[in-house]
């Protein structure tokens, strides 16, 4: 699912009503760009401009993905003058991702998530 246009929310309010907290958290991590941002922030705090340069992404893209990660409580920021420095709020997140990598290695990367579907197609 793409980021909603309403401020970068990962899961819209109508969808969130029927989603478990675990599903919402994994949904927030189900995007390669957000994973790249998390991996970068695991090395230390960064500003949006740092992330755009290092990841080769547009400022608006990085900002929306950061909003998603903030909404989930996985990323926070501190203001210093006119700059905001983003960082991971939960170091356990890196343990979760390391476990996922171990699982992928153990299964020979055979773990298959929901395949990409055409717009409007439902999963039966």
PDB file of N, CA and C in Angstrom:
ATOM      1  N   UNK A   1       0.846  -1.175   0.000  1.00  0.00           N
ATOM      2  CA  UNK A   1       0.000   0.000   0.000  1.00  0.00           C
ATOM      3  C   UNK A   1       0.887   1.232   0.000  1.00  0.00           C
ATOM      4  N   UNK A   2       0.541   2.197  -0.775  1.00  0.00           N
ATOM      5  CA  UNK A   2       1.286   3.448  -0.801  1.00  0.00           C
ATOM      6  C   UNK A   2       0.931   4.271   0.425  1.00  0.00           C
ATOM      7  N   UNK A   3       1.773   5.225   0.704  1.00  0.00           N
ATOM      8  CA  UNK A   3       1.495   6.122   1.818  1.00  0.00           C
ATOM      9  C   UNK A   3       0.283   6.957   1.454  1.00  0.00           C
ATOM     10  N   UNK A   4      -0.619   7.113   2.411  1.00  0.00           N
ATOM     11  CA  UNK A   4      -1.792   7.940   2.187  1.00  0.00           C
ATOM     12  C   UNK A   4      -1.370   9.393   2.028  1.00  0.00           C
ATOM     13  N   UNK A   5      -2.176  10.161   1.347  1.00  0.00           N
ATOM     14  CA  UNK A   5      -1.860  11.565   1.120  1.00  0.00           C
ATOM     15  C   UNK A   5      -2.160  12.424   2.347  1.00  0.00           C
ATOM     16  N   UNK A   6      -2.804  11.873   3.368  1.00  0.00           N
ATOM     17  CA  UNK A   6      -3.175  12.653   4.550  1.00  0.00           C
ATOM     18  C   UNK A   6      -2.054  12.674   5.584  1.00  0.00           C
ATOM     19  N   UNK A   7      -0.927  13.284   5.238  1.00  0.00           N
ATOM     20  CA  UNK A   7       0.142  13.471   6.190  1.00  0.00           C
ATOM     21  C   UNK A   7       1.079  12.289   6.339  1.00  0.00           C
ATOM     22  N   UNK A   8       1.059  11.351   5.405  1.00  0.00           N
ATOM     23  CA  UNK A   8       2.012  10.265   5.455  1.00  0.00           C
ATOM     24  C   UNK A   8       1.613   9.099   6.326  1.00  0.00           C
ATOM     25  N   UNK A   9       0.349   9.013   6.692  1.00  0.00           N
ATOM     26  CA  UNK A   9      -0.089   7.914   7.533  1.00  0.00           C
ATOM     27  C   UNK A   9       0.079   6.589   6.790  1.00  0.00           C
ATOM     28  N   UNK A  10       0.561   5.581   7.483  1.00  0.00           N
ATOM     29  CA  UNK A  10       0.777   4.276   6.858  1.00  0.00           C
ATOM     30  C   UNK A  10      -0.525   3.530   6.655  1.00  0.00           C
ATOM     31  N   UNK A  11      -1.407   3.637   7.614  1.00  0.00           N
ATOM     32  CA  UNK A  11      -2.686   2.941   7.542  1.00  0.00           C
ATOM     33  C   UNK A  11      -3.760   3.987   7.783  1.00  0.00           C
ATOM     34  N   UNK A  12      -4.686   4.129   6.851  1.00  0.00           N
ATOM     35  CA  UNK A  12      -5.730   5.138   7.005  1.00  0.00           C
ATOM     36  C   UNK A  12      -6.642   4.782   8.172  1.00  0.00           C
ATOM     37  N   UNK A  13      -7.336   5.759   8.708  1.00  0.00           N
ATOM     38  CA  UNK A  13      -8.164   5.572   9.900  1.00  0.00           C
ATOM     39  C   UNK A  13      -9.216   4.486   9.706  1.00  0.00           C
ATOM     40  N   UNK A  14      -9.857   4.420   8.524  1.00  0.00           N
ATOM     41  CA  UNK A  14     -10.891   3.414   8.312  1.00  0.00           C
ATOM     42  C   UNK A  14     -10.294   2.008   8.249  1.00  0.00           C
ATOM     43  N   UNK A  15      -9.089   1.878   7.738  1.00  0.00           N
ATOM     44  CA  UNK A  15      -8.436   0.574   7.702  1.00  0.00           C
ATOM     45  C   UNK A  15      -7.938   0.222   9.101  1.00  0.00           C
ATOM     46  N   UNK A  16      -7.380   1.198   9.819  1.00  0.00           N
ATOM     47  CA  UNK A  16      -6.787   0.961  11.130  1.00  0.00           C
ATOM     48  C   UNK A  16      -7.783   0.388  12.124  1.00  0.00           C
ATOM     49  N   UNK A  17      -9.074   0.703  11.957  1.00  0.00           N
ATOM     50  CA  UNK A  17     -10.083   0.226  12.896  1.00  0.00           C
ATOM     51  C   UNK A  17     -10.118  -1.292  12.964  1.00  0.00           C
ATOM     52  N   UNK A  18      -9.824  -1.976  11.856  1.00  0.00           N
ATOM     53  CA  UNK A  18      -9.873  -3.429  11.842  1.00  0.00           C
ATOM     54  C   UNK A  18      -8.516  -4.102  11.834  1.00  0.00           C
ATOM     55  N   UNK A  19      -7.443  -3.338  12.088  1.00  0.00           N
ATOM     56  CA  UNK A  19      -6.097  -3.886  12.016  1.00  0.00           C
ATOM     57  C   UNK A  19      -5.517  -4.019  13.414  1.00  0.00           C
ATOM     58  N   UNK A  20      -4.918  -5.166  13.685  1.00  0.00           N
ATOM     59  CA  UNK A  20      -4.282  -5.362  14.990  1.00  0.00           C
ATOM     60  C   UNK A  20      -3.044  -4.484  15.080  1.00  0.00           C
ATOM     61  N   UNK A  21      -2.617  -4.153  16.291  1.00  0.00           N
ATOM     62  CA  UNK A  21      -1.398  -3.343  16.421  1.00  0.00           C
ATOM     63  C   UNK A  21      -0.182  -4.008  15.766  1.00  0.00           C
ATOM     64  N   UNK A  22      -0.068  -5.323  15.868  1.00  0.00           N
ATOM     65  CA  UNK A  22       1.063  -6.015  15.248  1.00  0.00           C
ATOM     66  C   UNK A  22       1.005  -5.882  13.734  1.00  0.00           C
ATOM     67  N   UNK A  23      -0.178  -6.029  13.150  1.00  0.00           N
ATOM     68  CA  UNK A  23      -0.314  -5.896  11.699  1.00  0.00           C
ATOM     69  C   UNK A  23       0.026  -4.474  11.259  1.00  0.00           C
ATOM     70  N   UNK A  24      -0.397  -3.480  12.033  1.00  0.00           N
ATOM     71  CA  UNK A  24      -0.092  -2.090  11.691  1.00  0.00           C
ATOM     72  C   UNK A  24       1.415  -1.845  11.748  1.00  0.00           C
ATOM     73  N   UNK A  25       2.084  -2.406  12.773  1.00  0.00           N
ATOM     74  CA  UNK A  25       3.523  -2.215  12.882  1.00  0.00           C
ATOM     75  C   UNK A  25       4.244  -2.867  11.708  1.00  0.00           C
ATOM     76  N   UNK A  26       3.873  -4.116  11.387  1.00  0.00           N
ATOM     77  CA  UNK A  26       4.528  -4.780  10.266  1.00  0.00           C
ATOM     78  C   UNK A  26       4.204  -4.086   8.948  1.00  0.00           C
ATOM     79  N   UNK A  27       3.015  -3.535   8.847  1.00  0.00           N
ATOM     80  CA  UNK A  27       2.660  -2.774   7.642  1.00  0.00           C
ATOM     81  C   UNK A  27       3.596  -1.569   7.495  1.00  0.00           C
ATOM     82  N   UNK A  28       3.896  -0.917   8.617  1.00  0.00           N
ATOM     83  CA  UNK A  28       4.788   0.249   8.551  1.00  0.00           C
ATOM     84  C   UNK A  28       6.187  -0.145   8.103  1.00  0.00           C
ATOM     85  N   UNK A  29       6.577  -1.389   8.346  1.00  0.00           N
ATOM     86  CA  UNK A  29       7.908  -1.864   7.962  1.00  0.00           C
ATOM     87  C   UNK A  29       7.903  -2.587   6.618  1.00  0.00           C
ATOM     88  N   UNK A  30       6.752  -2.651   5.975  1.00  0.00           N
ATOM     89  CA  UNK A  30       6.613  -3.414   4.735  1.00  0.00           C
ATOM     90  C   UNK A  30       7.020  -2.628   3.495  1.00  0.00           C
ATOM     91  N   UNK A  31       7.667  -1.516   3.680  1.00  0.00           N
ATOM     92  CA  UNK A  31       8.076  -0.680   2.558  1.00  0.00           C
ATOM     93  C   UNK A  31       9.602  -0.587   2.542  1.00  0.00           C
ATOM     94  N   UNK A  32      10.210  -0.852   1.395  1.00  0.00           N
ATOM     95  CA  UNK A  32      11.671  -0.848   1.288  1.00  0.00           C
ATOM     96  C   UNK A  32      12.276   0.496   1.669  1.00  0.00           C
ATOM     97  N   UNK A  33      11.626   1.580   1.285  1.00  0.00           N
ATOM     98  CA  UNK A  33      12.153   2.908   1.624  1.00  0.00           C
ATOM     99  C   UNK A  33      12.162   3.109   3.131  1.00  0.00           C
ATOM    100  N   UNK A  34      11.085   2.719   3.812  1.00  0.00           N
ATOM    101  CA  UNK A  34      11.057   2.871   5.266  1.00  0.00           C
ATOM    102  C   UNK A  34      12.118   1.990   5.924  1.00  0.00           C
ATOM    103  N   UNK A  35      12.341   0.800   5.385  1.00  0.00           N
ATOM    104  CA  UNK A  35      13.398  -0.061   5.929  1.00  0.00           C
ATOM    105  C   UNK A  35      14.773   0.577   5.734  1.00  0.00           C
ATOM    106  N   UNK A  36      14.986   1.197   4.587  1.00  0.00           N
ATOM    107  CA  UNK A  36      16.265   1.876   4.341  1.00  0.00           C
ATOM    108  C   UNK A  36      16.459   3.034   5.314  1.00  0.00           C
ATOM    109  N   UNK A  37      15.379   3.761   5.597  1.00  0.00           N
ATOM    110  CA  UNK A  37      15.452   4.867   6.555  1.00  0.00           C
ATOM    111  C   UNK A  37      15.773   4.319   7.945  1.00  0.00           C
ATOM    112  N   UNK A  38      15.106   3.250   8.343  1.00  0.00           N
ATOM    113  CA  UNK A  38      15.355   2.635   9.657  1.00  0.00           C
ATOM    114  C   UNK A  38      16.811   2.174   9.750  1.00  0.00           C
ATOM    115  N   UNK A  39      17.299   1.519   8.703  1.00  0.00           N
ATOM    116  CA  UNK A  39      18.690   1.048   8.717  1.00  0.00           C
ATOM    117  C   UNK A  39      19.660   2.213   8.844  1.00  0.00           C
ATOM    118  N   UNK A  40      19.373   3.312   8.164  1.00  0.00           N
ATOM    119  CA  UNK A  40      20.249   4.485   8.270  1.00  0.00           C
ATOM    120  C   UNK A  40      20.187   5.074   9.678  1.00  0.00           C
ATOM    121  N   UNK A  41      18.994   5.174  10.244  1.00  0.00           N
ATOM    122  CA  UNK A  41      18.849   5.753  11.579  1.00  0.00           C
ATOM    123  C   UNK A  41      19.439   4.855  12.664  1.00  0.00           C
ATOM    124  N   UNK A  42      19.599   3.572  12.373  1.00  0.00           N
ATOM    125  CA  UNK A  42      20.235   2.667  13.328  1.00  0.00           C
ATOM    126  C   UNK A  42      21.698   3.064  13.557  1.00  0.00           C
ATOM    127  N   UNK A  43      22.288   3.764  12.596  1.00  0.00           N
ATOM    128  CA  UNK A  43      23.678   4.222  12.720  1.00  0.00           C
ATOM    129  C   UNK A  43      23.780   5.559  13.441  1.00  0.00           C
ATOM    130  N   UNK A  44      22.652   6.192  13.719  1.00  0.00           N
ATOM    131  CA  UNK A  44      22.655   7.479  14.412  1.00  0.00           C
ATOM    132  C   UNK A  44      21.634   8.423  13.822  1.00  0.00           C
ATOM    133  N   UNK A  45      21.383   9.491  14.536  1.00  0.00           N
ATOM    134  CA  UNK A  45      20.353  10.431  14.093  1.00  0.00           C
ATOM    135  C   UNK A  45      20.737  11.112  12.790  1.00  0.00           C
ATOM    136  N   UNK A  46      19.698  11.613  12.102  1.00  0.00           N
ATOM    137  CA  UNK A  46      19.908  12.266  10.812  1.00  0.00           C
ATOM    138  C   UNK A  46      18.798  13.274  10.569  1.00  0.00           C
ATOM    139  N   UNK A  47      19.117  14.280   9.778  1.00  0.00           N
ATOM    140  CA  UNK A  47      18.119  15.253   9.342  1.00  0.00           C
ATOM    141  C   UNK A  47      17.515  14.759   8.028  1.00  0.00           C
ATOM    142  N   UNK A  48      16.395  15.342   7.643  1.00  0.00           N
ATOM    143  CA  UNK A  48      15.765  14.971   6.374  1.00  0.00           C
ATOM    144  C   UNK A  48      16.743  15.188   5.228  1.00  0.00           C
ATOM    145  N   UNK A  49      17.467  16.296   5.237  1.00  0.00           N
ATOM    146  CA  UNK A  49      18.416  16.574   4.159  1.00  0.00           C
ATOM    147  C   UNK A  49      19.506  15.503   4.097  1.00  0.00           C
ATOM    148  N   UNK A  50      19.929  14.986   5.251  1.00  0.00           N
ATOM    149  CA  UNK A  50      20.919  13.912   5.264  1.00  0.00           C
ATOM    150  C   UNK A  50      20.347  12.660   4.608  1.00  0.00           C
ATOM    151  N   UNK A  51      19.110  12.334   4.964  1.00  0.00           N
ATOM    152  CA  UNK A  51      18.466  11.136   4.424  1.00  0.00           C
ATOM    153  C   UNK A  51      18.233  11.253   2.922  1.00  0.00           C
ATOM    154  N   UNK A  52      17.811  12.427   2.460  1.00  0.00           N
ATOM    155  CA  UNK A  52      17.574  12.585   1.026  1.00  0.00           C
ATOM    156  C   UNK A  52      18.872  12.400   0.245  1.00  0.00           C
ATOM    157  N   UNK A  53      19.954  12.947   0.757  1.00  0.00           N
ATOM    158  CA  UNK A  53      21.254  12.824   0.085  1.00  0.00           C
ATOM    159  C   UNK A  53      21.737  11.382   0.106  1.00  0.00           C
ATOM    160  N   UNK A  54      21.698  10.759   1.268  1.00  0.00           N
ATOM    161  CA  UNK A  54      22.240   9.410   1.414  1.00  0.00           C
ATOM    162  C   UNK A  54      21.396   8.348   0.719  1.00  0.00           C
ATOM    163  N   UNK A  55      20.088   8.550   0.666  1.00  0.00           N
ATOM    164  CA  UNK A  55      19.207   7.548   0.072  1.00  0.00           C
ATOM    165  C   UNK A  55      18.811   7.885  -1.363  1.00  0.00           C
ATOM    166  N   UNK A  56      19.143   9.086  -1.821  1.00  0.00           N
ATOM    167  CA  UNK A  56      18.815   9.477  -3.190  1.00  0.00           C
ATOM    168  C   UNK A  56      17.320   9.631  -3.418  1.00  0.00           C
ATOM    169  N   UNK A  57      16.629  10.179  -2.424  1.00  0.00           N
ATOM    170  CA  UNK A  57      15.170  10.326  -2.496  1.00  0.00           C
ATOM    171  C   UNK A  57      14.779  11.792  -2.397  1.00  0.00           C
ATOM    172  N   UNK A  58      13.578  12.100  -2.839  1.00  0.00           N
ATOM    173  CA  UNK A  58      13.046  13.460  -2.740  1.00  0.00           C
ATOM    174  C   UNK A  58      12.704  13.782  -1.287  1.00  0.00           C
ATOM    175  N   UNK A  59      12.794  15.051  -0.937  1.00  0.00           N
ATOM    176  CA  UNK A  59      12.493  15.496   0.421  1.00  0.00           C
ATOM    177  C   UNK A  59      11.070  15.114   0.818  1.00  0.00           C
ATOM    178  N   UNK A  60      10.116  15.281  -0.092  1.00  0.00           N
ATOM    179  CA  UNK A  60       8.722  14.966   0.232  1.00  0.00           C
ATOM    180  C   UNK A  60       8.551  13.467   0.515  1.00  0.00           C
ATOM    181  N   UNK A  61       9.264  12.637  -0.219  1.00  0.00           N
ATOM    182  CA  UNK A  61       9.198  11.187  -0.009  1.00  0.00           C
ATOM    183  C   UNK A  61       9.739  10.822   1.365  1.00  0.00           C
ATOM    184  N   UNK A  62      10.901  11.338   1.702  1.00  0.00           N
ATOM    185  CA  UNK A  62      11.506  11.046   3.008  1.00  0.00           C
ATOM    186  C   UNK A  62      10.600  11.548   4.128  1.00  0.00           C
ATOM    187  N   UNK A  63      10.069  12.746   3.988  1.00  0.00           N
ATOM    188  CA  UNK A  63       9.209  13.319   5.032  1.00  0.00           C
ATOM    189  C   UNK A  63       7.959  12.474   5.259  1.00  0.00           C
ATOM    190  N   UNK A  64       7.335  12.004   4.191  1.00  0.00           N
ATOM    191  CA  UNK A  64       6.131  11.177   4.344  1.00  0.00           C
ATOM    192  C   UNK A  64       6.452   9.842   4.998  1.00  0.00           C
ATOM    193  N   UNK A  65       7.571   9.244   4.636  1.00  0.00           N
ATOM    194  CA  UNK A  65       7.944   7.974   5.254  1.00  0.00           C
ATOM    195  C   UNK A  65       8.316   8.169   6.722  1.00  0.00           C
ATOM    196  N   UNK A  66       8.970   9.269   7.046  1.00  0.00           N
ATOM    197  CA  UNK A  66       9.267   9.567   8.442  1.00  0.00           C
ATOM    198  C   UNK A  66       7.989   9.785   9.244  1.00  0.00           C
ATOM    199  N   UNK A  67       6.999  10.429   8.640  1.00  0.00           N
ATOM    200  CA  UNK A  67       5.714  10.633   9.315  1.00  0.00           C
ATOM    201  C   UNK A  67       5.071   9.289   9.640  1.00  0.00           C
ATOM    202  N   UNK A  68       5.142   8.358   8.721  1.00  0.00           N
ATOM    203  CA  UNK A  68       4.606   7.021   8.947  1.00  0.00           C
ATOM    204  C   UNK A  68       5.315   6.365  10.121  1.00  0.00           C
ATOM    205  N   UNK A  69       6.629   6.387  10.107  1.00  0.00           N
ATOM    206  CA  UNK A  69       7.409   5.760  11.173  1.00  0.00           C
ATOM    207  C   UNK A  69       7.197   6.457  12.513  1.00  0.00           C
ATOM    208  N   UNK A  70       6.981   7.769  12.493  1.00  0.00           N
ATOM    209  CA  UNK A  70       6.670   8.504  13.727  1.00  0.00           C
ATOM    210  C   UNK A  70       5.303   8.103  14.254  1.00  0.00           C
ATOM    211  N   UNK A  71       4.320   7.993  13.350  1.00  0.00           N
ATOM    212  CA  UNK A  71       2.970   7.599  13.765  1.00  0.00           C
ATOM    213  C   UNK A  71       2.969   6.250  14.473  1.00  0.00           C
ATOM    214  N   UNK A  72       3.870   5.372  14.059  1.00  0.00           N
ATOM    215  CA  UNK A  72       3.967   4.040  14.658  1.00  0.00           C
ATOM    216  C   UNK A  72       4.824   4.041  15.914  1.00  0.00           C
ATOM    217  N   UNK A  73       5.403   5.160  16.253  1.00  0.00           N
ATOM    218  CA  UNK A  73       6.237   5.246  17.442  1.00  0.00           C
ATOM    219  C   UNK A  73       7.618   4.638  17.284  1.00  0.00           C
ATOM    220  N   UNK A  74       8.034   4.397  16.044  1.00  0.00           N
ATOM    221  CA  UNK A  74       9.335   3.771  15.804  1.00  0.00           C
ATOM    222  C   UNK A  74      10.449   4.800  15.632  1.00  0.00           C
ATOM    223  N   UNK A  75      10.080   6.014  15.254  1.00  0.00           N
ATOM    224  CA  UNK A  75      11.034   7.094  15.017  1.00  0.00           C
ATOM    225  C   UNK A  75      10.549   8.332  15.763  1.00  0.00           C
ATOM    226  N   UNK A  76      11.493   9.058  16.312  1.00  0.00           N
ATOM    227  CA  UNK A  76      11.190  10.327  16.964  1.00  0.00           C
ATOM    228  C   UNK A  76      12.164  11.375  16.456  1.00  0.00           C
ATOM    229  N   UNK A  77      12.006  12.597  16.944  1.00  0.00           N
ATOM    230  CA  UNK A  77      12.918  13.650  16.518  1.00  0.00           C
ATOM    231  C   UNK A  77      13.131  14.636  17.655  1.00  0.00           C
ATOM    232  N   UNK A  78      14.212  15.350  17.535  1.00  0.00           N
ATOM    233  CA  UNK A  78      14.489  16.448  18.455  1.00  0.00           C
ATOM    234  C   UNK A  78      14.788  17.677  17.613  1.00  0.00           C
ATOM    235  N   UNK A  79      14.287  18.801  18.061  1.00  0.00           N
ATOM    236  CA  UNK A  79      14.518  20.056  17.349  1.00  0.00           C
ATOM    237  C   UNK A  79      15.750  20.737  17.923  1.00  0.00           C
ATOM    238  N   UNK A  80      16.547  21.275  17.013  1.00  0.00           N
ATOM    239  CA  UNK A  80      17.704  22.075  17.399  1.00  0.00           C
ATOM    240  C   UNK A  80      17.705  23.284  16.479  1.00  0.00           C
ATOM    241  N   UNK A  81      17.275  24.395  17.009  1.00  0.00           N
ATOM    242  CA  UNK A  81      17.092  25.576  16.167  1.00  0.00           C
ATOM    243  C   UNK A  81      15.995  25.290  15.150  1.00  0.00           C
ATOM    244  N   UNK A  82      16.315  25.487  13.879  1.00  0.00           N
ATOM    245  CA  UNK A  82      15.335  25.238  12.815  1.00  0.00           C
ATOM    246  C   UNK A  82      15.476  23.847  12.208  1.00  0.00           C
ATOM    247  N   UNK A  83      16.327  23.021  12.783  1.00  0.00           N
ATOM    248  CA  UNK A  83      16.563  21.687  12.242  1.00  0.00           C
ATOM    249  C   UNK A  83      15.939  20.629  13.143  1.00  0.00           C
ATOM    250  N   UNK A  84      15.524  19.542  12.527  1.00  0.00           N
ATOM    251  CA  UNK A  84      15.009  18.387  13.258  1.00  0.00           C
ATOM    252  C   UNK A  84      15.928  17.208  13.004  1.00  0.00           C
ATOM    253  N   UNK A  85      16.305  16.537  14.079  1.00  0.00           N
ATOM    254  CA  UNK A  85      17.175  15.370  13.999  1.00  0.00           C
ATOM    255  C   UNK A  85      16.350  14.138  14.345  1.00  0.00           C
ATOM    256  N   UNK A  86      16.259  13.200  13.419  1.00  0.00           N
ATOM    257  CA  UNK A  86      15.442  11.995  13.576  1.00  0.00           C
ATOM    258  C   UNK A  86      16.297  10.848  14.092  1.00  0.00           C
ATOM    259  N   UNK A  87      15.671   9.993  14.904  1.00  0.00           N
ATOM    260  CA  UNK A  87      16.363   8.827  15.443  1.00  0.00           C
ATOM    261  C   UNK A  87      15.348   7.736  15.748  1.00  0.00           C
ATOM    262  N   UNK A  88      15.844   6.524  15.925  1.00  0.00           N
ATOM    263  CA  UNK A  88      14.978   5.412  16.321  1.00  0.00           C
ATOM    264  C   UNK A  88      14.599   5.586  17.780  1.00  0.00           C
ATOM    265  N   UNK A  89      13.351   5.316  18.098  1.00  0.00           N
ATOM    266  CA  UNK A  89      12.900   5.406  19.485  1.00  0.00           C
ATOM    267  C   UNK A  89      13.000   4.059  20.186  1.00  0.00           C
ATOM    268  N   UNK A  90      13.020   2.994  19.417  1.00  0.00           N
ATOM    269  CA  UNK A  90      13.022   1.640  19.979  1.00  0.00           C
ATOM    270  C   UNK A  90      14.196   0.844  19.418  1.00  0.00           C
ATOM    271  N   UNK A  91      15.281   0.708  20.169  1.00  0.00           N
ATOM    272  CA  UNK A  91      16.414  -0.070  19.679  1.00  0.00           C
ATOM    273  C   UNK A  91      16.057  -1.534  19.421  1.00  0.00           C
ATOM    274  N   UNK A  92      14.990  -2.033  20.068  1.00  0.00           N
ATOM    275  CA  UNK A  92      14.544  -3.412  19.837  1.00  0.00           C
ATOM    276  C   UNK A  92      14.155  -3.653  18.392  1.00  0.00           C
ATOM    277  N   UNK A  93      13.845  -2.594  17.676  1.00  0.00           N
ATOM    278  CA  UNK A  93      13.477  -2.721  16.266  1.00  0.00           C
ATOM    279  C   UNK A  93      14.600  -3.382  15.478  1.00  0.00           C
ATOM    280  N   UNK A  94      15.836  -3.071  15.809  1.00  0.00           N
ATOM    281  CA  UNK A  94      16.953  -3.670  15.083  1.00  0.00           C
ATOM    282  C   UNK A  94      17.070  -5.159  15.402  1.00  0.00           C
ATOM    283  N   UNK A  95      16.688  -5.560  16.625  1.00  0.00           N
ATOM    284  CA  UNK A  95      16.659  -6.983  16.973  1.00  0.00           C
ATOM    285  C   UNK A  95      15.607  -7.701  16.129  1.00  0.00           C
ATOM    286  N   UNK A  96      14.451  -7.059  15.956  1.00  0.00           N
ATOM    287  CA  UNK A  96      13.382  -7.636  15.142  1.00  0.00           C
ATOM    288  C   UNK A  96      13.850  -7.823  13.695  1.00  0.00           C
ATOM    289  N   UNK A  97      14.492  -6.806  13.158  1.00  0.00           N
ATOM    290  CA  UNK A  97      14.965  -6.890  11.773  1.00  0.00           C
ATOM    291  C   UNK A  97      16.085  -7.920  11.630  1.00  0.00           C
ATOM    292  N   UNK A  98      16.943  -8.039  12.636  1.00  0.00           N
ATOM    293  CA  UNK A  98      17.995  -9.062  12.598  1.00  0.00           C
ATOM    294  C   UNK A  98      17.375 -10.456  12.621  1.00  0.00           C
ATOM    295  N   UNK A  99      16.314 -10.635  13.414  1.00  0.00           N
ATOM    296  CA  UNK A  99      15.612 -11.919  13.447  1.00  0.00           C
ATOM    297  C   UNK A  99      14.981 -12.222  12.100  1.00  0.00           C
ATOM    298  N   UNK A 100      14.435 -11.207  11.455  1.00  0.00           N
ATOM    299  CA  UNK A 100      13.841 -11.400  10.125  1.00  0.00           C
ATOM    300  C   UNK A 100      14.910 -11.827   9.124  1.00  0.00           C
ATOM    301  N   UNK A 101      16.082 -11.226   9.203  1.00  0.00           N
ATOM    302  CA  UNK A 101      17.175 -11.612   8.303  1.00  0.00           C
ATOM    303  C   UNK A 101      17.601 -13.054   8.550  1.00  0.00           C
ATOM    304  N   UNK A 102      17.641 -13.472   9.823  1.00  0.00           N
ATOM    305  CA  UNK A 102      17.986 -14.857  10.151  1.00  0.00           C
ATOM    306  C   UNK A 102      16.940 -15.820   9.599  1.00  0.00           C
ATOM    307  N   UNK A 103      15.676 -15.446   9.714  1.00  0.00           N
ATOM    308  CA  UNK A 103      14.596 -16.271   9.178  1.00  0.00           C
ATOM    309  C   UNK A 103      14.713 -16.403   7.669  1.00  0.00           C
ATOM    310  N   UNK A 104      14.985 -15.295   7.007  1.00  0.00           N
ATOM    311  CA  UNK A 104      15.156 -15.332   5.550  1.00  0.00           C
ATOM    312  C   UNK A 104      16.343 -16.209   5.157  1.00  0.00           C
ATOM    313  N   UNK A 105      17.434 -16.108   5.889  1.00  0.00           N
ATOM    314  CA  UNK A 105      18.604 -16.939   5.593  1.00  0.00           C
ATOM    315  C   UNK A 105      18.294 -18.412   5.834  1.00  0.00           C
ATOM    316  N   UNK A 106      17.559 -18.708   6.905  1.00  0.00           N
ATOM    317  CA  UNK A 106      17.238 -20.097   7.242  1.00  0.00           C
ATOM    318  C   UNK A 106      16.290 -20.733   6.241  1.00  0.00           C
ATOM    319  N   UNK A 107      15.452 -19.936   5.614  1.00  0.00           N
ATOM    320  CA  UNK A 107      14.483 -20.467   4.654  1.00  0.00           C
ATOM    321  C   UNK A 107      14.977 -20.323   3.221  1.00  0.00           C
ATOM    322  N   UNK A 108      16.204 -19.868   3.075  1.00  0.00           N
ATOM    323  CA  UNK A 108      16.726 -19.658   1.720  1.00  0.00           C
ATOM    324  C   UNK A 108      15.949 -18.579   0.995  1.00  0.00           C
ATOM    325  N   UNK A 109      15.471 -17.610   1.743  1.00  0.00           N
ATOM    326  CA  UNK A 109      14.679 -16.499   1.200  1.00  0.00           C
ATOM    327  C   UNK A 109      13.388 -16.993   0.552  1.00  0.00           C
ATOM    328  N   UNK A 110      12.910 -18.159   0.986  1.00  0.00           N
ATOM    329  CA  UNK A 110      11.688 -18.719   0.422  1.00  0.00           C
ATOM    330  C   UNK A 110      10.429 -18.144   1.065  1.00  0.00           C
ATOM    331  N   UNK A 111      10.593 -17.361   2.130  1.00  0.00           N
ATOM    332  CA  UNK A 111       9.429 -16.756   2.757  1.00  0.00           C
ATOM    333  C   UNK A 111       8.803 -15.805   1.746  1.00  0.00           C
ATOM    334  N   UNK A 112       7.561 -16.041   1.420  1.00  0.00           N
ATOM    335  CA  UNK A 112       6.882 -15.203   0.429  1.00  0.00           C
ATOM    336  C   UNK A 112       5.794 -14.393   1.110  1.00  0.00           C
ATOM    337  N   UNK A 113       5.910 -13.096   0.998  1.00  0.00           N
ATOM    338  CA  UNK A 113       4.860 -12.228   1.508  1.00  0.00           C
ATOM    339  C   UNK A 113       3.775 -12.138   0.440  1.00  0.00           C
ATOM    340  N   UNK A 114       2.727 -11.413   0.726  1.00  0.00           N
ATOM    341  CA  UNK A 114       1.641 -11.275  -0.243  1.00  0.00           C
ATOM    342  C   UNK A 114       2.221 -10.776  -1.561  1.00  0.00           C
ATOM    343  N   UNK A 115       1.917 -11.460  -2.645  1.00  0.00           N
ATOM    344  CA  UNK A 115       2.436 -11.001  -3.937  1.00  0.00           C
ATOM    345  C   UNK A 115       1.809  -9.667  -4.334  1.00  0.00           C
ATOM    346  N   UNK A 116       2.537  -8.934  -5.124  1.00  0.00           N
ATOM    347  CA  UNK A 116       2.018  -7.651  -5.612  1.00  0.00           C
ATOM    348  C   UNK A 116       0.831  -7.940  -6.504  1.00  0.00           C
ATOM    349  N   UNK A 117      -0.242  -7.253  -6.274  1.00  0.00           N
ATOM    350  CA  UNK A 117      -1.478  -7.468  -7.020  1.00  0.00           C
ATOM    351  C   UNK A 117      -1.825  -6.211  -7.800  1.00  0.00           C
ATOM    352  N   UNK A 118      -2.582  -6.405  -8.841  1.00  0.00           N
ATOM    353  CA  UNK A 118      -3.050  -5.260  -9.615  1.00  0.00           C
ATOM    354  C   UNK A 118      -3.998  -4.437  -8.743  1.00  0.00           C
ATOM    355  N   UNK A 119      -4.067  -3.150  -9.006  1.00  0.00           N
ATOM    356  CA  UNK A 119      -4.957  -2.260  -8.252  1.00  0.00           C
ATOM    357  C   UNK A 119      -6.386  -2.783  -8.311  1.00  0.00           C
ATOM    358  N   UNK A 120      -6.995  -2.844  -7.159  1.00  0.00           N
ATOM    359  CA  UNK A 120      -8.388  -3.288  -7.092  1.00  0.00           C
ATOM    360  C   UNK A 120      -8.581  -4.763  -6.936  1.00  0.00           C
ATOM    361  N   UNK A 121      -7.542  -5.574  -7.172  1.00  0.00           N
ATOM    362  CA  UNK A 121      -7.667  -7.025  -7.036  1.00  0.00           C
ATOM    363  C   UNK A 121      -7.653  -7.382  -5.559  1.00  0.00           C
ATOM    364  N   UNK A 122      -8.498  -8.286  -5.161  1.00  0.00           N
ATOM    365  CA  UNK A 122      -8.552  -8.701  -3.764  1.00  0.00           C
ATOM    366  C   UNK A 122      -7.916 -10.072  -3.610  1.00  0.00           C
ATOM    367  N   UNK A 123      -7.421 -10.310  -2.402  1.00  0.00           N
ATOM    368  CA  UNK A 123      -6.829 -11.600  -2.084  1.00  0.00           C
ATOM    369  C   UNK A 123      -7.918 -12.485  -1.516  1.00  0.00           C
ATOM    370  N   UNK A 124      -8.110 -13.684  -2.077  1.00  0.00           N
ATOM    371  CA  UNK A 124      -9.167 -14.572  -1.592  1.00  0.00           C
ATOM    372  C   UNK A 124      -8.685 -15.416  -0.469  1.00  0.00           C
TER     373      UNK A 124
END
